[in-house]
Amino acid sequence: SYQEFVESKTQLGGKSGFAPRFLPSWLFDFQADLTTWSVEKGRAAIFADCGLGKSGMQLAWAANVPGRVLILAPLCVAEQTVGEGRKFGVPVKYSTTPIDAPITITNYERLENFDPSDYAGVVLDESSILKAFDGKTRTRLIETFEQTPYRLCCTATPSPNDIAELANHAEFLGLMTRAEFLATWFVHDDEGWRMKGHAVQPFFRWLSSWAIAINSPSDIGYADDGFKLPPLQIHDHILQLEHSS
């Protein structure tokens, strides 16, 4: 129908996932909603500020994937995620080589040791690593997992005008190549890349169809109880020191 034709031109990220089968009770309401949304999307990005529980959400997402899942993370984060999984009852094992486990976490530098065809899902923890447009890691990640059915990116909220970071996330998720991203939404002039005037609302409508960015639970309608830090208090202490030149 004509309506279907119009909808096919909206450039909104579709759904390639499924209804979640596992939503652990330890998720806060807003985390459960974000997990549900990302599982149903199948390929999505959760841009959540520090302290909002990205590790728990990505573990719950991984536990829902019908098949093995590989989580890629910076080395300092991997062991922390294993600990989070132990605390939340989601088994996740750290390894630098392939092992027979439902959820494996490894650091980005060990990517070459793993065969992507062994995994139904992949999670990029601290996915801002994709920001390095010319980086070999960024290119390898996109090419390695272009056939992986389920993909999740998790990182703190990116700058809304960070074109490279958003474009690379979209390309990793299989939504648009970087070239398509720039040609669709931006023009280039002497001042660099800037968004087309008529594209502002369509761009953010498209972006919100595959990525959710929050700085606090209230951004998506939930109470900030337990997530709002008290005002910073600074106390100066002056120490008297004796020294000789």
C-alpha atoms as a PDB file:
ATOM      1  CA  SER A   1       0.000   0.000   0.000  1.00  0.00           C
ATOM      2  CA  TYR A   2       0.978   3.630  -0.297  1.00  0.00           C
ATOM      3  CA  GLN A   3       1.171   3.918   3.502  1.00  0.00           C
ATOM      4  CA  GLU A   4       3.636   1.026   3.620  1.00  0.00           C
ATOM      5  CA  PHE A   5       5.667   2.702   0.878  1.00  0.00           C
ATOM      6  CA  VAL A   6       5.785   5.963   2.870  1.00  0.00           C
ATOM      7  CA  GLU A   7       6.779   4.128   6.060  1.00  0.00           C
ATOM      8  CA  SER A   8       9.579   2.364   4.178  1.00  0.00           C
ATOM      9  CA  LYS A   9      11.100   5.785   3.436  1.00  0.00           C
ATOM     10  CA  THR A  10      11.128   7.037   7.029  1.00  0.00           C
ATOM     11  CA  GLN A  11      14.681   5.747   7.641  1.00  0.00           C
ATOM     12  CA  LEU A  12      13.750   4.693  11.157  1.00  0.00           C
ATOM     13  CA  GLY A  13      15.678   1.803  12.642  1.00  0.00           C
ATOM     14  CA  GLY A  14      13.465  -1.273  12.527  1.00  0.00           C
ATOM     15  CA  LYS A  15      13.163  -4.136  14.968  1.00  0.00           C
ATOM     16  CA  SER A  16      15.273  -7.231  14.470  1.00  0.00           C
ATOM     17  CA  GLY A  17      14.961  -8.623  17.976  1.00  0.00           C
ATOM     18  CA  PHE A  18      12.297 -10.324  20.063  1.00  0.00           C
ATOM     19  CA  ALA A  19      10.342 -10.036  23.299  1.00  0.00           C
ATOM     20  CA  PRO A  20      12.643 -10.603  26.297  1.00  0.00           C
ATOM     21  CA  ARG A  21      12.303 -13.891  28.147  1.00  0.00           C
ATOM     22  CA  PHE A  22      14.389 -12.849  31.137  1.00  0.00           C
ATOM     23  CA  LEU A  23      14.071  -9.598  33.085  1.00  0.00           C
ATOM     24  CA  PRO A  24      15.810 -10.034  36.439  1.00  0.00           C
ATOM     25  CA  SER A  25      14.184  -8.530  39.500  1.00  0.00           C
ATOM     26  CA  TRP A  26      17.338  -6.575  40.368  1.00  0.00           C
ATOM     27  CA  LEU A  27      16.829  -4.219  37.446  1.00  0.00           C
ATOM     28  CA  PHE A  28      15.367  -0.846  38.335  1.00  0.00           C
ATOM     29  CA  ASP A  29      12.211   0.027  36.412  1.00  0.00           C
ATOM     30  CA  PHE A  30      14.006   2.308  33.965  1.00  0.00           C
ATOM     31  CA  GLN A  31      16.725  -0.310  33.440  1.00  0.00           C
ATOM     32  CA  ALA A  32      14.110  -2.985  32.759  1.00  0.00           C
ATOM     33  CA  ASP A  33      12.469  -0.738  30.162  1.00  0.00           C
ATOM     34  CA  LEU A  34      15.788   0.003  28.451  1.00  0.00           C
ATOM     35  CA  THR A  35      16.678  -3.691  28.455  1.00  0.00           C
ATOM     36  CA  THR A  36      13.280  -4.629  27.009  1.00  0.00           C
ATOM     37  CA  TRP A  37      13.606  -1.974  24.310  1.00  0.00           C
ATOM     38  CA  SER A  38      17.128  -3.052  23.345  1.00  0.00           C
ATOM     39  CA  VAL A  39      16.210  -6.754  23.227  1.00  0.00           C
ATOM     40  CA  GLU A  40      13.227  -5.989  21.011  1.00  0.00           C
ATOM     41  CA  LYS A  41      15.361  -3.795  18.762  1.00  0.00           C
ATOM     42  CA  GLY A  42      17.984  -6.515  18.393  1.00  0.00           C
ATOM     43  CA  ARG A  43      20.595  -3.941  17.345  1.00  0.00           C
ATOM     44  CA  ALA A  44      20.657  -0.872  19.555  1.00  0.00           C
ATOM     45  CA  ALA A  45      22.731   1.566  21.578  1.00  0.00           C
ATOM     46  CA  ILE A  46      22.283   2.511  25.215  1.00  0.00           C
ATOM     47  CA  PHE A  47      23.973   5.829  25.907  1.00  0.00           C
ATOM     48  CA  ALA A  48      23.639   6.095  29.700  1.00  0.00           C
ATOM     49  CA  ASP A  49      25.641   8.323  31.992  1.00  0.00           C
ATOM     50  CA  CYS A  50      28.044   6.872  34.541  1.00  0.00           C
ATOM     51  CA  GLY A  51      26.358   5.101  37.446  1.00  0.00           C
ATOM     52  CA  LEU A  52      23.106   4.224  35.668  1.00  0.00           C
ATOM     53  CA  GLY A  53      23.828   0.491  35.473  1.00  0.00           C
ATOM     54  CA  LYS A  54      25.012  -0.185  31.944  1.00  0.00           C
ATOM     55  CA  SER A  55      26.789  -3.375  33.065  1.00  0.00           C
ATOM     56  CA  GLY A  56      23.611  -4.839  34.522  1.00  0.00           C
ATOM     57  CA  MET A  57      21.566  -3.949  31.464  1.00  0.00           C
ATOM     58  CA  GLN A  58      24.060  -5.427  29.024  1.00  0.00           C
ATOM     59  CA  LEU A  59      24.265  -8.639  31.070  1.00  0.00           C
ATOM     60  CA  ALA A  60      20.466  -8.928  31.078  1.00  0.00           C
ATOM     61  CA  TRP A  61      20.452  -8.258  27.317  1.00  0.00           C
ATOM     62  CA  ALA A  62      23.103 -10.923  26.742  1.00  0.00           C
ATOM     63  CA  ALA A  63      21.180 -13.448  28.840  1.00  0.00           C
ATOM     64  CA  ASN A  64      18.196 -13.039  26.501  1.00  0.00           C
ATOM     65  CA  VAL A  65      20.074 -13.691  23.251  1.00  0.00           C
ATOM     66  CA  PRO A  66      19.321 -17.163  21.819  1.00  0.00           C
ATOM     67  CA  GLY A  67      22.913 -18.283  21.487  1.00  0.00           C
ATOM     68  CA  ARG A  68      26.374 -17.424  22.713  1.00  0.00           C
ATOM     69  CA  VAL A  69      27.318 -13.804  23.328  1.00  0.00           C
ATOM     70  CA  LEU A  70      30.714 -12.118  23.225  1.00  0.00           C
ATOM     71  CA  ILE A  71      31.231  -8.950  25.285  1.00  0.00           C
ATOM     72  CA  LEU A  72      34.174  -6.751  24.310  1.00  0.00           C
ATOM     73  CA  ALA A  73      35.442  -4.330  26.924  1.00  0.00           C
ATOM     74  CA  PRO A  74      38.540  -2.448  28.017  1.00  0.00           C
ATOM     75  CA  LEU A  75      40.788  -4.689  30.110  1.00  0.00           C
ATOM     76  CA  CYS A  76      40.131  -2.794  33.340  1.00  0.00           C
ATOM     77  CA  VAL A  77      36.370  -3.256  32.904  1.00  0.00           C
ATOM     78  CA  ALA A  78      36.265  -6.979  32.070  1.00  0.00           C
ATOM     79  CA  GLU A  79      36.906  -8.356  35.560  1.00  0.00           C
ATOM     80  CA  GLN A  80      34.475  -5.822  37.017  1.00  0.00           C
ATOM     81  CA  THR A  81      31.755  -7.132  34.692  1.00  0.00           C
ATOM     82  CA  VAL A  82      32.496 -10.717  35.746  1.00  0.00           C
ATOM     83  CA  GLY A  83      31.969  -9.601  39.337  1.00  0.00           C
ATOM     84  CA  GLU A  84      28.704  -7.888  38.409  1.00  0.00           C
ATOM     85  CA  GLY A  85      27.512 -11.077  36.723  1.00  0.00           C
ATOM     86  CA  ARG A  86      28.364 -13.100  39.823  1.00  0.00           C
ATOM     87  CA  LYS A  87      26.442 -10.657  41.992  1.00  0.00           C
ATOM     88  CA  PHE A  88      23.404 -10.642  39.703  1.00  0.00           C
ATOM     89  CA  GLY A  89      23.356 -14.351  38.906  1.00  0.00           C
ATOM     90  CA  VAL A  90      24.260 -14.004  35.216  1.00  0.00           C
ATOM     91  CA  PRO A  91      27.220 -16.300  34.467  1.00  0.00           C
ATOM     92  CA  VAL A  92      29.874 -14.485  32.447  1.00  0.00           C
ATOM     93  CA  LYS A  93      33.439 -15.722  32.047  1.00  0.00           C
ATOM     94  CA  TYR A  94      36.539 -13.766  31.135  1.00  0.00           C
ATOM     95  CA  SER A  95      38.840 -15.359  28.574  1.00  0.00           C
ATOM     96  CA  THR A  96      41.424 -14.272  26.041  1.00  0.00           C
ATOM     97  CA  THR A  97      40.603 -17.267  23.810  1.00  0.00           C
ATOM     98  CA  PRO A  98      37.329 -18.956  22.805  1.00  0.00           C
ATOM     99  CA  ILE A  99      35.662 -21.062  25.511  1.00  0.00           C
ATOM    100  CA  ASP A 100      32.389 -22.961  25.738  1.00  0.00           C
ATOM    101  CA  ALA A 101      30.332 -20.478  27.742  1.00  0.00           C
ATOM    102  CA  PRO A 102      26.976 -18.742  27.149  1.00  0.00           C
ATOM    103  CA  ILE A 103      28.520 -15.308  27.776  1.00  0.00           C
ATOM    104  CA  THR A 104      32.218 -14.589  27.337  1.00  0.00           C
ATOM    105  CA  ILE A 105      33.909 -11.270  27.996  1.00  0.00           C
ATOM    106  CA  THR A 106      37.305 -10.330  26.629  1.00  0.00           C
ATOM    107  CA  ASN A 107      39.257  -7.151  26.018  1.00  0.00           C
ATOM    108  CA  TYR A 108      39.270  -5.419  22.640  1.00  0.00           C
ATOM    109  CA  GLU A 109      42.904  -6.304  21.998  1.00  0.00           C
ATOM    110  CA  ARG A 110      41.979 -10.034  21.932  1.00  0.00           C
ATOM    111  CA  LEU A 111      39.345  -9.695  19.219  1.00  0.00           C
ATOM    112  CA  GLU A 112      41.444 -11.486  16.618  1.00  0.00           C
ATOM    113  CA  ASN A 113      41.347 -14.662  18.725  1.00  0.00           C
ATOM    114  CA  PHE A 114      37.584 -15.071  18.309  1.00  0.00           C
ATOM    115  CA  ASP A 115      35.470 -16.290  15.387  1.00  0.00           C
ATOM    116  CA  PRO A 116      32.355 -14.083  15.097  1.00  0.00           C
ATOM    117  CA  SER A 117      30.367 -16.937  13.552  1.00  0.00           C
ATOM    118  CA  ASP A 118      30.470 -18.665  16.946  1.00  0.00           C
ATOM    119  CA  TYR A 119      28.304 -15.945  18.485  1.00  0.00           C
ATOM    120  CA  ALA A 120      24.703 -14.893  18.034  1.00  0.00           C
ATOM    121  CA  GLY A 121      25.238 -11.614  19.840  1.00  0.00           C
ATOM    122  CA  VAL A 122      27.973  -9.101  20.615  1.00  0.00           C
ATOM    123  CA  VAL A 123      28.151  -6.280  23.153  1.00  0.00           C
ATOM    124  CA  LEU A 124      30.562  -3.369  22.897  1.00  0.00           C
ATOM    125  CA  ASP A 125      31.174  -2.081  26.398  1.00  0.00           C
ATOM    126  CA  GLU A 126      32.582   1.457  26.431  1.00  0.00           C
ATOM    127  CA  SER A 127      31.633   1.546  22.759  1.00  0.00           C
ATOM    128  CA  SER A 128      33.003   5.063  22.369  1.00  0.00           C
ATOM    129  CA  ILE A 129      36.103   3.225  21.172  1.00  0.00           C
ATOM    130  CA  LEU A 130      34.347   3.446  17.782  1.00  0.00           C
ATOM    131  CA  LYS A 131      34.989   7.176  17.806  1.00  0.00           C
ATOM    132  CA  ALA A 132      38.454   6.689  16.324  1.00  0.00           C
ATOM    133  CA  PHE A 133      37.280   6.805  12.700  1.00  0.00           C
ATOM    134  CA  ASP A 134      40.627   5.889  11.201  1.00  0.00           C
ATOM    135  CA  GLY A 135      41.479   3.371  13.919  1.00  0.00           C
ATOM    136  CA  LYS A 136      42.151  -0.214  12.925  1.00  0.00           C
ATOM    137  CA  THR A 137      40.081  -1.427  15.873  1.00  0.00           C
ATOM    138  CA  ARG A 138      37.040   0.505  14.712  1.00  0.00           C
ATOM    139  CA  THR A 139      37.242  -0.899  11.176  1.00  0.00           C
ATOM    140  CA  ARG A 140      37.891  -4.434  12.410  1.00  0.00           C
ATOM    141  CA  LEU A 141      34.905  -4.310  14.773  1.00  0.00           C
ATOM    142  CA  ILE A 142      32.512  -3.175  12.041  1.00  0.00           C
ATOM    143  CA  GLU A 143      33.737  -5.738   9.526  1.00  0.00           C
ATOM    144  CA  THR A 144      33.983  -8.602  12.027  1.00  0.00           C
ATOM    145  CA  PHE A 145      30.421  -8.380  13.292  1.00  0.00           C
ATOM    146  CA  GLU A 146      28.540  -7.200  10.202  1.00  0.00           C
ATOM    147  CA  GLN A 147      26.759 -10.582  10.019  1.00  0.00           C
ATOM    148  CA  THR A 148      26.108 -10.975  13.765  1.00  0.00           C
ATOM    149  CA  PRO A 149      22.320 -10.980  14.294  1.00  0.00           C
ATOM    150  CA  TYR A 150      22.209  -9.159  17.647  1.00  0.00           C
ATOM    151  CA  ARG A 151      24.412  -6.180  18.568  1.00  0.00           C
ATOM    152  CA  LEU A 152      24.419  -3.824  21.532  1.00  0.00           C
ATOM    153  CA  CYS A 153      26.552  -0.747  22.153  1.00  0.00           C
ATOM    154  CA  CYS A 154      26.884   0.675  25.660  1.00  0.00           C
ATOM    155  CA  THR A 155      28.705   3.861  26.607  1.00  0.00           C
ATOM    156  CA  ALA A 156      28.178   7.128  28.425  1.00  0.00           C
ATOM    157  CA  THR A 157      26.147   9.770  26.645  1.00  0.00           C
ATOM    158  CA  PRO A 158      28.049  11.087  23.605  1.00  0.00           C
ATOM    159  CA  SER A 159      28.171  14.723  22.697  1.00  0.00           C
ATOM    160  CA  PRO A 160      25.099  15.380  20.509  1.00  0.00           C
ATOM    161  CA  ASN A 161      27.290  17.114  17.932  1.00  0.00           C
ATOM    162  CA  ASP A 162      29.931  14.382  17.854  1.00  0.00           C
ATOM    163  CA  ILE A 163      29.273  13.332  14.278  1.00  0.00           C
ATOM    164  CA  ALA A 164      32.034  10.717  14.113  1.00  0.00           C
ATOM    165  CA  GLU A 165      30.880   8.861  17.209  1.00  0.00           C
ATOM    166  CA  LEU A 166      27.242   8.698  16.115  1.00  0.00           C
ATOM    167  CA  ALA A 167      28.129   7.740  12.544  1.00  0.00           C
ATOM    168  CA  ASN A 168      30.395   4.914  13.659  1.00  0.00           C
ATOM    169  CA  HIS A 169      27.796   3.519  16.042  1.00  0.00           C
ATOM    170  CA  ALA A 170      25.224   3.540  13.246  1.00  0.00           C
ATOM    171  CA  GLU A 171      27.643   1.743  10.939  1.00  0.00           C
ATOM    172  CA  PHE A 172      28.557  -0.895  13.536  1.00  0.00           C
ATOM    173  CA  LEU A 173      24.863  -1.610  14.109  1.00  0.00           C
ATOM    174  CA  GLY A 174      24.322  -2.016  10.366  1.00  0.00           C
ATOM    175  CA  LEU A 175      21.985   0.953  10.008  1.00  0.00           C
ATOM    176  CA  MET A 176      23.968   3.248   7.710  1.00  0.00           C
ATOM    177  CA  THR A 177      27.529   3.470   6.504  1.00  0.00           C
ATOM    178  CA  ARG A 178      29.434   6.570   7.511  1.00  0.00           C
ATOM    179  CA  ALA A 179      29.195   7.876   3.939  1.00  0.00           C
ATOM    180  CA  GLU A 180      25.410   7.372   3.888  1.00  0.00           C
ATOM    181  CA  PHE A 181      25.124   8.989   7.307  1.00  0.00           C
ATOM    182  CA  LEU A 182      26.916  12.150   6.189  1.00  0.00           C
ATOM    183  CA  ALA A 183      25.183  12.362   2.801  1.00  0.00           C
ATOM    184  CA  THR A 184      21.720  11.934   4.334  1.00  0.00           C
ATOM    185  CA  TRP A 185      21.891  14.400   7.199  1.00  0.00           C
ATOM    186  CA  PHE A 186      24.810  16.779   6.634  1.00  0.00           C
ATOM    187  CA  VAL A 187      26.453  19.148   4.188  1.00  0.00           C
ATOM    188  CA  HIS A 188      30.123  20.082   4.070  1.00  0.00           C
ATOM    189  CA  ASP A 189      31.398  23.624   3.663  1.00  0.00           C
ATOM    190  CA  ASP A 190      34.384  25.741   4.688  1.00  0.00           C
ATOM    191  CA  GLU A 191      33.427  25.360   8.355  1.00  0.00           C
ATOM    192  CA  GLY A 192      33.235  21.575   8.178  1.00  0.00           C
ATOM    193  CA  TRP A 193      30.202  19.310   8.473  1.00  0.00           C
ATOM    194  CA  ARG A 194      26.886  20.852   9.512  1.00  0.00           C
ATOM    195  CA  MET A 195      23.397  19.438   9.607  1.00  0.00           C
ATOM    196  CA  LYS A 196      21.018  20.238   6.756  1.00  0.00           C
ATOM    197  CA  GLY A 197      18.383  22.709   7.895  1.00  0.00           C
ATOM    198  CA  HIS A 198      15.420  20.523   7.011  1.00  0.00           C
ATOM    199  CA  ALA A 199      17.056  17.405   8.485  1.00  0.00           C
ATOM    200  CA  VAL A 200      17.128  18.330  12.179  1.00  0.00           C
ATOM    201  CA  GLN A 201      13.848  16.744  13.278  1.00  0.00           C
ATOM    202  CA  PRO A 202      14.111  13.705  10.962  1.00  0.00           C
ATOM    203  CA  PHE A 203      17.694  13.120  12.147  1.00  0.00           C
ATOM    204  CA  PHE A 204      16.834  13.030  15.840  1.00  0.00           C
ATOM    205  CA  ARG A 205      13.709  10.968  15.146  1.00  0.00           C
ATOM    206  CA  TRP A 206      15.923   8.458  13.327  1.00  0.00           C
ATOM    207  CA  LEU A 207      18.584   8.562  16.049  1.00  0.00           C
ATOM    208  CA  SER A 208      16.045   7.901  18.795  1.00  0.00           C
ATOM    209  CA  SER A 209      14.761   4.869  16.870  1.00  0.00           C
ATOM    210  CA  TRP A 210      17.976   2.942  17.622  1.00  0.00           C
ATOM    211  CA  ALA A 211      19.698   4.804  20.483  1.00  0.00           C
ATOM    212  CA  ILE A 212      18.514   6.072  23.847  1.00  0.00           C
ATOM    213  CA  ALA A 213      20.623   8.659  25.666  1.00  0.00           C
ATOM    214  CA  ILE A 214      19.949   9.469  29.311  1.00  0.00           C
ATOM    215  CA  ASN A 215      21.806  11.421  31.976  1.00  0.00           C
ATOM    216  CA  SER A 216      19.330  10.440  34.695  1.00  0.00           C
ATOM    217  CA  PRO A 217      16.233   8.210  34.992  1.00  0.00           C
ATOM    218  CA  SER A 218      13.989  11.298  34.897  1.00  0.00           C
ATOM    219  CA  ASP A 219      15.037  11.828  31.267  1.00  0.00           C
ATOM    220  CA  ILE A 220      12.685   8.976  30.349  1.00  0.00           C
ATOM    221  CA  GLY A 221      10.029   9.642  32.971  1.00  0.00           C
ATOM    222  CA  TYR A 222      11.300   7.860  36.080  1.00  0.00           C
ATOM    223  CA  ALA A 223      12.185   9.166  39.523  1.00  0.00           C
ATOM    224  CA  ASP A 224      15.832   9.961  40.190  1.00  0.00           C
ATOM    225  CA  ASP A 225      15.694   8.440  43.686  1.00  0.00           C
ATOM    226  CA  GLY A 226      19.025   6.801  44.441  1.00  0.00           C
ATOM    227  CA  PHE A 227      20.668   8.173  41.295  1.00  0.00           C
ATOM    228  CA  LYS A 228      20.936  11.883  42.025  1.00  0.00           C
ATOM    229  CA  LEU A 229      24.227  12.751  43.673  1.00  0.00           C
ATOM    230  CA  PRO A 230      24.261  15.363  46.455  1.00  0.00           C
ATOM    231  CA  PRO A 231      25.962  18.696  45.751  1.00  0.00           C
ATOM    232  CA  LEU A 232      29.741  18.524  45.699  1.00  0.00           C
ATOM    233  CA  GLN A 233      31.342  19.933  48.835  1.00  0.00           C
ATOM    234  CA  ILE A 234      34.948  21.076  48.688  1.00  0.00           C
ATOM    235  CA  HIS A 235      36.979  21.359  51.872  1.00  0.00           C
ATOM    236  CA  ASP A 236      40.383  23.052  51.688  1.00  0.00           C
ATOM    237  CA  HIS A 237      43.122  21.752  53.967  1.00  0.00           C
ATOM    238  CA  ILE A 238      46.335  23.762  54.089  1.00  0.00           C
ATOM    239  CA  LEU A 239      49.432  21.907  55.235  1.00  0.00           C
ATOM    240  CA  GLN A 240      52.427  23.734  56.569  1.00  0.00           C
ATOM    241  CA  LEU A 241      55.617  22.230  55.181  1.00  0.00           C
ATOM    242  CA  GLU A 242      59.211  22.908  55.979  1.00  0.00           C
ATOM    243  CA  HIS A 243      61.640  22.649  53.126  1.00  0.00           C
ATOM    244  CA  SER A 244      65.049  23.823  52.169  1.00  0.00           C
ATOM    245  CA  SER A 245      66.121  25.050  48.743  1.00  0.00           C
END
